[in-house]
Protein backbone atom coordinates (compact mmCIF):
# COMPACT_ATOMS: atom_id res chain seq x y z
CA UNK A 1 165.17 103.14 83.44
CA UNK A 2 162.08 101.62 81.79
CA UNK A 3 161.48 99.39 84.85
CA UNK A 4 161.90 102.39 87.14
CA UNK A 5 159.34 104.38 85.11
CA UNK A 6 156.96 101.39 85.16
CA UNK A 7 157.27 101.10 88.97
CA UNK A 8 156.67 104.86 89.31
CA UNK A 9 153.53 104.69 87.11
CA UNK A 10 152.29 101.70 89.08
CA UNK A 11 152.93 103.51 92.41
CA UNK A 12 151.13 106.61 91.09
CA UNK A 13 148.20 104.51 89.98
CA UNK A 14 148.01 102.83 93.42
CA UNK A 15 148.15 106.25 95.15
CA UNK A 16 145.41 107.61 92.88
CA UNK A 17 143.25 104.54 93.61
CA UNK A 18 143.80 104.91 97.37
CA UNK A 19 142.79 108.56 97.12
CA UNK A 20 139.68 107.59 95.13
CA UNK A 21 138.80 104.99 97.79
CA UNK A 22 139.12 107.62 100.55
CA UNK A 23 136.95 110.07 98.59
CA UNK A 24 134.34 107.44 97.94
CA UNK A 25 134.29 106.43 101.61
CA UNK A 26 133.77 110.08 102.57
CA UNK A 27 130.99 110.39 100.02
CA UNK A 28 129.40 107.16 101.27
CA UNK A 29 129.34 108.47 104.87
CA UNK A 30 127.86 111.73 103.66
CA UNK A 31 125.18 109.91 101.73
CA UNK A 32 124.41 107.70 104.74
CA UNK A 33 123.90 110.83 106.89
CA UNK A 34 121.72 112.40 104.23
CA UNK A 35 119.68 109.19 103.94
CA UNK A 36 119.22 109.08 107.68
CA UNK A 37 118.05 112.72 107.74
CA UNK A 38 115.65 112.08 104.86
CA UNK A 39 114.26 109.04 106.61
CA UNK A 40 113.71 111.04 109.79
CA UNK A 41 111.99 113.80 107.81
CA UNK A 42 109.76 111.32 106.02
CA UNK A 43 108.78 109.69 109.32
CA UNK A 44 107.98 113.09 110.82
CA UNK A 45 105.87 114.04 107.83
CA UNK A 46 104.07 110.67 107.95
CA UNK A 47 103.35 111.21 111.63
CA UNK A 48 102.04 114.74 110.99
CA UNK A 49 99.87 113.47 108.14
CA UNK A 50 98.54 110.66 110.31
CA UNK A 51 97.73 113.16 113.10
CA UNK A 52 96.00 115.43 110.62
CA UNK A 53 94.06 112.48 109.17
CA UNK A 54 92.81 111.46 112.63
CA UNK A 55 92.01 115.10 113.52
CA UNK A 56 89.96 115.51 110.37
CA UNK A 57 88.05 112.29 110.92
CA UNK A 58 87.43 113.08 114.56
CA UNK A 59 85.57 116.23 113.45
CA UNK A 60 83.56 114.72 110.58
CA UNK A 61 79.96 113.68 111.01
CA UNK A 62 77.51 111.89 108.72
CA UNK A 63 73.99 113.03 107.93
CA UNK A 64 72.68 111.70 111.28
CA UNK A 65 75.47 113.43 113.25
CA UNK A 66 77.44 110.24 113.90
CA UNK A 67 81.23 110.23 113.55
CA UNK A 68 82.56 109.08 110.16
CA UNK A 69 84.45 105.79 110.44
CA UNK A 70 88.02 106.22 109.13
CA UNK A 71 88.17 102.46 108.52
CA UNK A 72 85.43 102.77 105.86
CA UNK A 73 86.34 106.10 104.26
CA UNK A 74 89.39 107.86 102.91
CA UNK A 75 90.23 111.46 102.14
CA UNK A 76 90.62 111.96 98.39
CA UNK A 77 92.25 115.02 96.80
CA UNK A 78 91.36 115.53 93.15
CA UNK A 79 93.65 117.11 90.57
CA UNK A 80 91.72 120.37 90.70
CA UNK A 81 92.29 120.72 94.47
CA UNK A 82 88.88 119.52 95.62
CA UNK A 83 88.82 117.29 98.69
CA UNK A 84 86.27 114.51 99.16
CA UNK A 85 85.56 111.80 101.69
CA UNK A 86 84.83 108.64 99.73
CA UNK A 87 84.34 104.96 100.62
CA UNK A 88 87.56 102.97 100.57
CA UNK A 89 86.33 100.49 97.96
CA UNK A 90 85.74 103.36 95.51
CA UNK A 91 89.18 104.81 96.25
CA UNK A 92 90.85 101.48 95.49
CA UNK A 93 89.11 101.11 92.15
CA UNK A 94 89.96 104.70 91.27
CA UNK A 95 93.60 104.13 92.20
CA UNK A 96 93.72 101.11 89.85
CA UNK A 97 92.32 103.27 87.00
CA UNK A 98 94.89 106.01 87.70
CA UNK A 99 97.69 103.44 87.71
CA UNK A 100 96.50 102.08 84.35
CA UNK A 101 96.44 105.59 82.89
CA UNK A 102 99.98 106.25 84.14
CA UNK A 103 101.22 103.00 82.66
CA UNK A 104 99.57 103.77 79.29
CA UNK A 105 101.11 107.23 79.31
CA UNK A 106 104.58 105.81 79.96
CA UNK A 107 104.21 103.19 77.19
């Protein structure tokens, strides 16, 4: 009787594990689909942002009426909602300062 109960418990444990495996495989497939959809959405948003970026720079002119070179400038959005066109080298140094401030805040 004890051996029979032991075999039954073992069989139940195996069945429960098989059910868990099936559930996890279903969850994995669902997460893969969600990941794929998120990736597609991100790529679409990146493309829209890139198009917007190029559209903005195609309309910008400097003081002499010449087009602003997107290779030399970036669009910068400040925390108060203001938008500026600044030279890339300034944007990089400002990014480094922001990263330092974030790291200090986390520490």
